[in-house]
Each structure stands twice: as structure tokens, then as C-alpha cells.
């Protein structure tokens, strides 16, 4: 584990400078995204800009900006209707189901908004391979065929081989395996892909590097550009899909929402074969911190962001997690989201009946519905819950 000596501002590592073990790739996507985000003045957009964007079949980045602007708020109903039409056109009535599996919560980073941060006094745990397999067995009995494996961001607490073995175990039970772990180099992503991983999701948290510096005080995660290029390194390592997200509420959600979508848009242009996914998390309360709540991002604003994503990235998968309420989740999958989590435990373990989670949760969830409950709710809405749409041959 990287020794943490950066709490004194004078000793903190430069958040824009790569550490020696970090792979540097030839890519200018970070400059393109940041320049466009910094130039985005959402106060300049008008109702006419919004109407023009809503009338287009293919949106430009500027149209996307218009739909994220305050000028689009009075058009939220029209925006939702257009998003629903686009979703049905490309995804029909299907909604993918999955569950996250937290296998470790050791973390070397000091992120002030995260329950896993290295200075938060929580129960730390790492599941053994036997415990991981028991989790998988229990989850597979619910009918789910896709899991997202998560760890805290610590190479010592959860090294690449440990994550790889977890992928091999998951492949025995599931058809689709996603990873949400610390960013890695392309050769490490290639190894995990060989172990069975299909896609990688990385939250940039905020694309404002100055704000990012104040939120990430220590650890590898402090290095903003290495995190930014994680999805591209994952594609270079053979992953068939990558996911993007900003943690809405850390900074200006309109600019972060734009940067997230534009980042995904540029990467898909560069790698047309890659599957693109967007997550839409809002800041949630964490253990030992009663001051963390979404800042200026209410459900109406979240709806606006998700619908704008759908129109700008019509083929992208959009995930809605248990950070949101059951009512909002049902509402948004009827409009724009195409993937939903179910039977969620954000503690370490917790899926085996009769066994409590062995480590504390990363954040508080808002919807604890079981897999069966979510499945039935989707059906009652006249939609089709789908456990897997991927077949290995």
C-alpha cells in the first residue's frame, strides 16, 4: 500500500503528475474534454437553442449543452418524451438487471466524500476466495446473470491477482462481469480480461481538476489524468465495454454532466467497437459524516441530465443505482435508463442468507428492493426484465 504522507499541503503530490508506476498513453482526449467543459457557459443558451436540439435526430455537442442548460428546465416534459422515444427505438422495453458485489473495502486514498477513505474509522474486510464463491452462489440462485465486482482502491488490500481470481470464480456463475476497482495499466486490464472481465467502469468523480485536487488529498486516486485515461487503457487491454460517470453534487453538475457525456462521445468516436455505458450517481450520505448530501442536484435536475445523455448518446447503456429511491428508479427506467441494480448490499459480502456484511458500506443506499421485487416491478410496468443479453460462443 502506498504510504500516506500527503496530509500536509506542503507535502502533497502534484495531482496532475503521473507516479512512476502509472502508464502514460498517447491521447489528447483529456485536453479536448477539459477545454470544451471550461468553455461551456450554460447561461448563454436560450429556449430556441433547446427547441432546436429537441427537434434533431442526431445531436451535436452544442445541442447536448443546450439540453443540460437551465434553459431546458421548462421543457423537461418534452425532453423526457423525446428520451423515451429514443430509448424504445434502440432498446425496446427491455431493462437489464445486475447486482454489485463488494469484495473488499481496504483503501489507500483519502477522498473526503467517500466512506471507504483511508482515514475513516470503519470495519475493513476482504473476502476470501471461499467467501466470494459463496456470495456468487447465493446471487446466482436469484436468477441474475450479471455482476459488478467492486473493491476499495488499494493494490495491497486487493491486488490485481486477487481481483483476477474473483473474475475467474464469477465466470463459473455469470455471463457478464463488470469491474469497478482502482484504475490500472493496459497490461493489467488485459490480464483481467483474460480472467473473465467484460467491462470496466471508472467514476471520474469531477472533471474539474482544481476541485478534484481539494477532494482527493492522498493516494493514487489523487492523480487526475491517470484516472481520466482509465477507460481508454481498458479498451487497449481488450475490454469490450467501458463505463463513465461523474459523482453529481461534488461540483457544478451541469459541467460535470457535459464532460462525462463528451468524454464518452469522443472515446466512442476513437474506438467505434467499444460498448459505452453511463452511470448517473448523486452524492450520498456516508458513515461517520452527516454533512454529505447532493449539492443542488435534485431529482428534476437528475432527470434532465439522464434524458440529455440519452439523446446525445442514443446507443449507450444508462445505469440507475440504488443511490436513488424506488419511485425515481421506476420512473427513469420507463424513460431513459436501461440498466438497474437489484438485491444490493454495499457492505463487504452480505448476499448470503443469514450472514451479515463483514465490512462497512461505502455509502447509504436508498432502495433495498430484492431481485424478485425489482423483477416484478419491471414486469408490472409492462417492460421486460433481462438478466443477460450476451452469449459466449
Protein backbone atom coordinates (compact mmCIF):
# COMPACT_ATOMS: atom_id res chain seq x y z
CA UNK A 1 0.00 0.00 0.00
CA UNK A 2 1.27 3.50 -0.78
CA UNK A 3 2.32 5.17 2.45
CA UNK A 4 0.16 8.22 3.11
CA UNK A 5 2.33 11.26 3.85
CA UNK A 6 0.41 13.90 1.96
CA UNK A 7 -1.90 15.43 4.54
CA UNK A 8 0.33 18.48 4.97
CA UNK A 9 -0.38 20.62 1.87
CA UNK A 10 3.35 21.27 1.52
CA UNK A 11 3.99 17.54 1.09
CA UNK A 12 1.11 16.60 -1.16
CA UNK A 13 1.95 15.09 -4.51
CA UNK A 14 1.04 17.10 -7.61
CA UNK A 15 -2.40 15.88 -8.67
CA UNK A 16 -1.57 16.34 -12.37
CA UNK A 17 1.77 14.48 -12.40
CA UNK A 18 1.93 10.73 -13.06
CA UNK A 19 3.59 8.48 -10.47
CA UNK A 20 6.40 6.15 -11.67
CA UNK A 21 4.21 3.02 -11.90
CA UNK A 22 1.48 4.71 -13.96
CA UNK A 23 1.24 4.05 -17.70
CA UNK A 24 1.15 7.14 -19.91
CA UNK A 25 -0.68 6.71 -23.22
CA UNK A 26 -0.69 8.93 -26.30
CA UNK A 27 -4.12 10.53 -26.02
CA UNK A 28 -5.39 14.09 -26.15
CA UNK A 29 -8.94 13.34 -25.03
CA UNK A 30 -8.35 14.94 -21.63
CA UNK A 31 -7.40 18.25 -23.22
CA UNK A 32 -10.40 18.15 -25.56
CA UNK A 33 -12.84 17.40 -22.77
CA UNK A 34 -11.45 19.95 -20.32
CA UNK A 35 -11.22 22.71 -22.93
CA UNK A 36 -14.82 22.11 -24.00
CA UNK A 37 -16.03 21.94 -20.40
CA UNK A 38 -14.27 25.17 -19.44
CA UNK A 39 -15.74 26.92 -22.48
CA UNK A 40 -19.26 25.72 -21.64
CA UNK A 41 -21.29 28.70 -20.43
CA UNK A 42 -24.73 27.23 -19.87
CA UNK A 43 -26.25 30.63 -19.03
CA UNK A 44 -25.93 31.65 -22.69
CA UNK A 45 -28.41 29.08 -24.00
CA UNK A 46 -31.97 30.07 -24.84
CA UNK A 47 -35.33 28.37 -25.25
CA UNK A 48 -34.74 28.49 -29.00
CA UNK A 49 -31.50 26.51 -28.59
CA UNK A 50 -33.36 23.89 -26.58
CA UNK A 51 -36.20 23.59 -29.10
CA UNK A 52 -33.72 23.19 -31.95
CA UNK A 53 -31.93 20.40 -30.07
CA UNK A 54 -35.20 18.60 -29.30
CA UNK A 55 -36.10 18.62 -32.99
CA UNK A 56 -32.87 16.93 -34.12
CA UNK A 57 -32.33 13.22 -34.66
CA UNK A 58 -28.56 13.47 -34.15
CA UNK A 59 -27.28 15.92 -31.53
CA UNK A 60 -24.05 17.88 -31.68
CA UNK A 61 -22.05 18.55 -28.50
CA UNK A 62 -23.54 22.06 -28.51
CA UNK A 63 -27.06 20.60 -28.64
CA UNK A 64 -26.13 18.42 -25.67
CA UNK A 65 -25.01 21.52 -23.82
CA UNK A 66 -28.34 23.21 -24.56
CA UNK A 67 -30.28 20.28 -23.09
CA UNK A 68 -28.18 20.42 -19.91
CA UNK A 69 -28.65 24.16 -19.50
CA UNK A 70 -31.15 25.94 -17.23
CA UNK A 71 -32.99 26.99 -20.39
CA UNK A 72 -34.08 23.36 -20.82
CA UNK A 73 -35.75 23.09 -17.41
CA UNK A 74 -39.15 24.41 -18.63
CA UNK A 75 -39.01 21.74 -21.37
CA UNK A 76 -38.47 18.78 -19.05
CA UNK A 77 -41.66 17.06 -20.18
CA UNK A 78 -40.74 17.33 -23.87
CA UNK A 79 -37.20 16.23 -23.04
CA UNK A 80 -38.48 13.14 -21.24
CA UNK A 81 -40.84 12.27 -24.10
CA UNK A 82 -38.04 12.51 -26.67
CA UNK A 83 -35.73 10.47 -24.45
CA UNK A 84 -38.38 7.78 -24.07
CA UNK A 85 -38.87 7.60 -27.84
CA UNK A 86 -35.13 7.25 -28.37
CA UNK A 87 -34.85 4.57 -25.70
CA UNK A 88 -37.67 2.50 -27.16
CA UNK A 89 -36.20 2.84 -30.64
CA UNK A 90 -32.87 1.28 -29.66
CA UNK A 91 -33.64 -0.83 -26.57
CA UNK A 92 -37.33 -1.67 -26.84
CA UNK A 93 -38.95 -2.33 -23.46
CA UNK A 94 -36.01 -4.25 -22.04
CA UNK A 95 -34.28 -3.39 -18.77
CA UNK A 96 -31.03 -5.12 -17.83
CA UNK A 97 -30.62 -6.28 -14.23
CA UNK A 98 -27.41 -6.78 -12.25
CA UNK A 99 -26.07 -6.55 -8.72
CA UNK A 100 -22.83 -5.09 -7.34
CA UNK A 101 -20.62 -7.33 -5.20
CA UNK A 102 -18.23 -5.59 -2.85
CA UNK A 103 -15.38 -7.99 -2.10
CA UNK A 104 -13.02 -5.67 -0.19
CA UNK A 105 -13.04 -2.16 1.29
CA UNK A 106 -9.38 -1.51 2.05
CA UNK A 107 -8.39 1.81 0.51
CA UNK A 108 -5.22 3.85 0.26
CA UNK A 109 -6.94 7.07 -0.86
CA UNK A 110 -8.08 10.00 1.22
CA UNK A 111 -11.24 11.17 -0.56
CA UNK A 112 -13.20 13.35 1.81
CA UNK A 113 -16.65 12.35 0.47
CA UNK A 114 -16.20 8.54 0.44
CA UNK A 115 -16.97 6.09 3.24
CA UNK A 116 -14.02 3.88 2.24
CA UNK A 117 -11.40 6.65 2.59
CA UNK A 118 -8.27 5.53 4.41
CA UNK A 119 -8.80 7.84 7.41
CA UNK A 120 -12.42 6.84 8.04
CA UNK A 121 -12.71 4.55 11.07
CA UNK A 122 -14.79 1.73 9.61
CA UNK A 123 -14.70 -2.07 9.69
CA UNK A 124 -12.31 -3.15 6.97
CA UNK A 125 -12.61 -6.57 5.36
CA UNK A 126 -11.56 -8.61 2.36
CA UNK A 127 -13.47 -11.71 1.38
CA UNK A 128 -11.56 -14.94 0.96
CA UNK A 129 -11.98 -16.85 -2.29
CA UNK A 130 -14.30 -19.26 -0.49
CA UNK A 131 -16.42 -16.38 0.78
CA UNK A 132 -16.50 -14.80 -2.67
CA UNK A 133 -17.73 -18.04 -4.19
CA UNK A 134 -20.46 -18.33 -1.56
CA UNK A 135 -21.58 -14.80 -2.49
CA UNK A 136 -21.69 -15.79 -6.16
CA UNK A 137 -23.61 -18.98 -5.43
CA UNK A 138 -26.23 -17.05 -3.46
CA UNK A 139 -26.58 -14.37 -6.13
CA UNK A 140 -26.84 -16.89 -8.97
CA UNK A 141 -29.82 -18.51 -7.23
CA UNK A 142 -31.76 -15.25 -7.68
CA UNK A 143 -31.50 -15.65 -11.46
CA UNK A 144 -29.12 -12.75 -12.02
CA UNK A 145 -26.50 -13.36 -14.70
CA UNK A 146 -24.50 -10.14 -14.42
CA UNK A 147 -22.41 -8.88 -11.51
CA UNK A 148 -20.27 -5.82 -10.93
CA UNK A 149 -17.23 -6.54 -8.75
CA UNK A 150 -16.06 -3.70 -6.53
CA UNK A 151 -13.15 -3.12 -4.16
CA UNK A 152 -11.66 -0.24 -2.28
CA UNK A 153 -8.75 1.36 -4.11
CA UNK A 154 -5.78 -0.43 -2.58
CA UNK A 155 -3.31 -2.54 -4.51
CA UNK A 156 -2.09 -4.10 -1.27
CA UNK A 157 -5.57 -4.81 0.04
CA UNK A 158 -6.88 -6.06 -3.32
CA UNK A 159 -4.08 -6.77 -5.76
CA UNK A 160 -4.62 -7.50 -9.44
CA UNK A 161 -4.26 -11.27 -8.99
CA UNK A 162 -6.91 -11.26 -6.23
CA UNK A 163 -9.32 -9.40 -8.50
CA UNK A 164 -8.44 -11.73 -11.36
CA UNK A 165 -9.23 -14.82 -9.31
CA UNK A 166 -12.55 -13.24 -8.31
CA UNK A 167 -13.29 -12.81 -12.04
CA UNK A 168 -12.46 -16.49 -12.69
CA UNK A 169 -14.85 -17.52 -9.91
CA UNK A 170 -17.54 -15.20 -11.23
CA UNK A 171 -17.25 -16.71 -14.71
CA UNK A 172 -18.42 -20.03 -13.25
CA UNK A 173 -21.77 -18.46 -12.32
CA UNK A 174 -22.41 -15.42 -14.53
CA UNK A 175 -22.40 -14.43 -18.20
CA UNK A 176 -21.37 -10.79 -17.75
CA UNK A 177 -18.74 -9.48 -15.33
CA UNK A 178 -18.02 -5.83 -14.74
CA UNK A 179 -15.31 -4.22 -12.66
CA UNK A 180 -15.33 -1.04 -10.60
CA UNK A 181 -11.91 -1.07 -8.99
CA UNK A 182 -8.85 1.20 -8.95
CA UNK A 183 -7.54 2.38 -12.36
CA UNK A 184 -4.86 0.15 -13.88
CA UNK A 185 -2.38 -0.03 -16.71
CA UNK A 186 -3.43 -1.58 -20.03
CA UNK A 187 -1.49 -4.83 -19.46
CA UNK A 188 -3.29 -5.32 -16.14
CA UNK A 189 -6.64 -4.76 -17.82
CA UNK A 190 -5.61 -7.34 -20.42
CA UNK A 191 -4.89 -9.84 -17.64
CA UNK A 192 -8.28 -9.23 -16.00
CA UNK A 193 -9.99 -9.57 -19.37
CA UNK A 194 -8.31 -12.97 -19.78
CA UNK A 195 -9.64 -13.86 -16.32
CA UNK A 196 -13.18 -13.16 -17.48
CA UNK A 197 -13.90 -9.45 -17.02
CA UNK A 198 -16.05 -7.89 -19.76
CA UNK A 199 -16.15 -4.21 -18.95
CA UNK A 200 -14.69 -1.56 -16.68
CA UNK A 201 -16.42 1.39 -15.05
CA UNK A 202 -14.48 4.33 -13.63
CA UNK A 203 -16.05 7.33 -11.93
CA UNK A 204 -14.03 10.45 -12.69
CA UNK A 205 -15.92 11.98 -9.72
CA UNK A 206 -15.45 15.52 -11.08
CA UNK A 207 -13.82 16.68 -14.30
CA UNK A 208 -12.83 19.98 -12.66
CA UNK A 209 -9.21 19.17 -11.83
CA UNK A 210 -8.87 22.09 -9.40
CA UNK A 211 -11.90 20.92 -7.42
CA UNK A 212 -10.69 17.32 -7.77
CA UNK A 213 -7.45 18.27 -6.01
CA UNK A 214 -9.32 19.58 -2.96
CA UNK A 215 -11.41 16.40 -2.68
CA UNK A 216 -8.64 13.80 -3.11
CA UNK A 217 -5.96 14.57 -0.56
CA UNK A 218 -3.81 11.45 -0.75
CA UNK A 219 -3.26 8.18 -2.59
CA UNK A 220 -3.02 7.14 -6.24
CA UNK A 221 -6.51 8.46 -6.89
CA UNK A 222 -5.17 11.98 -6.43
CA UNK A 223 -3.62 11.77 -9.91
CA UNK A 224 -6.39 13.23 -12.10
CA UNK A 225 -5.05 12.44 -15.61
CA UNK A 226 -4.29 8.79 -14.81
CA UNK A 227 -7.88 8.31 -13.73
CA UNK A 228 -9.22 10.16 -16.77
CA UNK A 229 -7.49 7.83 -19.23
CA UNK A 230 -8.52 4.60 -17.43
CA UNK A 231 -11.31 3.74 -19.88
CA UNK A 232 -9.00 4.12 -22.87
CA UNK A 233 -6.38 1.88 -21.25
CA UNK A 234 -9.14 -0.67 -20.53
CA UNK A 235 -10.12 -0.73 -24.22
CA UNK A 236 -6.46 -1.07 -25.16
CA UNK A 237 -6.36 -4.05 -22.79
CA UNK A 238 -9.20 -5.76 -24.65
CA UNK A 239 -12.25 -4.89 -22.56
CA UNK A 240 -15.35 -4.86 -24.75
CA UNK A 241 -17.09 -2.12 -22.76
CA UNK A 242 -16.33 0.86 -20.54
CA UNK A 243 -18.45 2.98 -18.25
CA UNK A 244 -18.26 6.66 -17.33
CA UNK A 245 -19.64 8.77 -14.50
CA UNK A 246 -19.24 11.94 -12.53
CA UNK A 247 -20.45 11.94 -8.93
CA UNK A 248 -23.07 14.63 -9.35
CA UNK A 249 -23.04 17.07 -6.47
CA UNK A 250 -19.29 17.31 -5.94
CA UNK A 251 -19.03 20.30 -8.26
CA UNK A 252 -21.12 22.06 -10.92
CA UNK A 253 -23.34 19.19 -12.06
CA UNK A 254 -24.09 20.72 -15.46
CA UNK A 255 -20.42 20.99 -16.39
CA UNK A 256 -19.64 17.56 -14.95
CA UNK A 257 -22.62 16.09 -16.78
CA UNK A 258 -21.42 17.61 -20.04
CA UNK A 259 -17.82 16.44 -19.52
CA UNK A 260 -18.97 12.88 -18.77
CA UNK A 261 -21.08 12.65 -21.92
CA UNK A 262 -18.48 14.35 -24.09
CA UNK A 263 -15.72 12.06 -22.77
CA UNK A 264 -17.83 9.01 -23.69
CA UNK A 265 -18.70 10.54 -27.07
CA UNK A 266 -15.07 11.17 -28.01
CA UNK A 267 -13.92 7.75 -26.86
CA UNK A 268 -16.64 6.06 -28.91
CA UNK A 269 -15.55 8.03 -31.97
CA UNK A 270 -11.98 6.86 -31.40
CA UNK A 271 -12.95 3.23 -30.65
CA UNK A 272 -16.22 2.55 -32.51
CA UNK A 273 -16.23 -1.11 -31.49
CA UNK A 274 -16.36 -0.34 -27.76
CA UNK A 275 -19.62 -0.54 -25.83
CA UNK A 276 -20.30 2.66 -23.93
CA UNK A 277 -22.17 2.94 -20.63
CA UNK A 278 -23.09 5.88 -18.43
CA UNK A 279 -23.84 5.85 -14.70
CA UNK A 280 -25.68 8.71 -13.04
CA UNK A 281 -24.78 8.70 -9.34
CA UNK A 282 -25.58 11.52 -6.97
CA UNK A 283 -23.60 12.10 -3.80
CA UNK A 284 -24.99 10.00 -0.95
CA UNK A 285 -24.51 10.14 2.86
CA UNK A 286 -21.56 8.12 4.18
CA UNK A 287 -20.74 6.58 7.55
CA UNK A 288 -19.17 8.98 10.10
CA UNK A 289 -20.09 12.04 8.01
CA UNK A 290 -23.54 13.59 8.35
CA UNK A 291 -22.79 16.57 6.09
CA UNK A 292 -22.53 14.76 2.76
CA UNK A 293 -25.60 15.25 0.58
CA UNK A 294 -26.24 16.02 -3.08
CA UNK A 295 -25.46 19.69 -3.70
CA UNK A 296 -28.02 21.40 -5.90
CA UNK A 297 -28.83 18.17 -7.74
CA UNK A 298 -32.47 17.36 -7.13
CA UNK A 299 -34.47 14.66 -8.87
CA UNK A 300 -35.70 17.08 -11.52
CA UNK A 301 -32.12 18.03 -12.39
CA UNK A 302 -31.06 14.38 -12.38
CA UNK A 303 -33.90 13.57 -14.78
CA UNK A 304 -32.73 16.38 -17.07
CA UNK A 305 -29.15 15.08 -17.11
CA UNK A 306 -30.18 11.47 -17.82
CA UNK A 307 -32.54 12.46 -20.63
CA UNK A 308 -29.84 14.66 -22.17
CA UNK A 309 -27.44 11.68 -22.04
CA UNK A 310 -29.98 9.53 -23.85
CA UNK A 311 -30.49 11.97 -26.71
CA UNK A 312 -26.78 12.70 -27.13
CA UNK A 313 -25.67 9.05 -26.76
CA UNK A 314 -28.65 7.08 -28.11
CA UNK A 315 -26.89 3.69 -28.09
CA UNK A 316 -25.28 3.98 -24.64
CA UNK A 317 -26.42 1.87 -21.73
CA UNK A 318 -27.57 4.09 -18.84
CA UNK A 319 -27.49 2.70 -15.30
CA UNK A 320 -29.59 3.86 -12.38
CA UNK A 321 -28.40 2.61 -8.99
CA UNK A 322 -29.85 2.18 -5.51
CA UNK A 323 -28.49 5.59 -4.59
CA UNK A 324 -31.90 6.72 -5.85
CA UNK A 325 -35.35 5.98 -4.46
CA UNK A 326 -37.51 3.14 -5.69
CA UNK A 327 -40.06 5.61 -7.09
CA UNK A 328 -37.45 7.54 -9.09
CA UNK A 329 -35.80 4.35 -10.35
CA UNK A 330 -39.09 3.01 -11.69
CA UNK A 331 -39.82 6.38 -13.29
CA UNK A 332 -36.47 6.71 -15.02
CA UNK A 333 -36.36 3.15 -16.46
CA UNK A 334 -39.65 3.93 -18.15
CA UNK A 335 -37.99 6.93 -19.81
CA UNK A 336 -34.25 6.66 -20.41
CA UNK A 337 -32.32 4.29 -18.14
CA UNK A 338 -31.72 0.77 -19.47
CA UNK A 339 -29.95 -0.93 -16.58
CA UNK A 340 -30.90 -1.27 -12.92
CA UNK A 341 -29.28 -2.82 -9.87
CA UNK A 342 -31.21 -5.10 -7.52
CA UNK A 343 -30.66 -7.04 -4.32
CA UNK A 344 -27.90 -4.59 -3.39
CA UNK A 345 -25.51 -4.70 -0.44
CA UNK A 346 -22.79 -2.05 -0.36
CA UNK A 347 -21.07 -3.71 2.58
CA UNK A 348 -18.39 -6.35 2.11
CA UNK A 349 -20.36 -9.53 1.47
CA UNK A 350 -23.96 -9.61 2.64
CA UNK A 351 -25.61 -11.64 -0.12
CA UNK A 352 -25.51 -14.99 1.68
CA UNK A 353 -28.69 -15.56 3.65
CA UNK A 354 -28.07 -15.49 7.40
CA UNK A 355 -24.66 -13.83 7.07
CA UNK A 356 -24.08 -10.15 7.78
CA UNK A 357 -21.72 -7.99 5.75
CA UNK A 358 -18.17 -8.37 7.05
CA UNK A 359 -17.14 -4.78 6.37
CA UNK A 360 -18.84 -1.39 6.44
CA UNK A 361 -20.61 0.06 3.41
CA UNK A 362 -19.23 2.70 1.06
CA UNK A 363 -22.43 4.77 1.18
CA UNK A 364 -26.07 4.51 2.21
CA UNK A 365 -28.42 3.03 -0.37
CA UNK A 366 -31.92 4.36 -0.96
CA UNK A 367 -33.61 1.28 -2.44
CA UNK A 368 -33.11 -2.11 -0.83
CA UNK A 369 -35.57 -3.99 -3.05
CA UNK A 370 -34.79 -7.66 -3.68
CA UNK A 371 -34.13 -9.13 -7.11
CA UNK A 372 -37.62 -10.67 -7.18
CA UNK A 373 -39.23 -7.38 -6.20
CA UNK A 374 -37.40 -5.40 -8.88
CA UNK A 375 -38.15 -8.09 -11.49
CA UNK A 376 -41.88 -7.99 -10.68
CA UNK A 377 -41.98 -4.19 -10.65
CA UNK A 378 -40.43 -4.07 -14.12
CA UNK A 379 -42.97 -6.58 -15.41
CA UNK A 380 -45.86 -4.67 -13.81
CA UNK A 381 -44.73 -1.60 -15.75
CA UNK A 382 -45.21 -3.54 -18.99
CA UNK A 383 -41.47 -3.85 -19.53
CA UNK A 384 -39.16 -6.85 -19.91
CA UNK A 385 -36.52 -7.53 -17.25
CA UNK A 386 -33.42 -9.07 -18.85
CA UNK A 387 -30.78 -10.98 -16.91
CA UNK A 388 -28.27 -11.21 -19.78
CA UNK A 389 -28.15 -10.25 -23.43
CA UNK A 390 -24.68 -11.63 -24.08
CA UNK A 391 -23.84 -15.17 -25.20
CA UNK A 392 -20.34 -16.64 -25.42
CA UNK A 393 -19.76 -18.95 -28.37
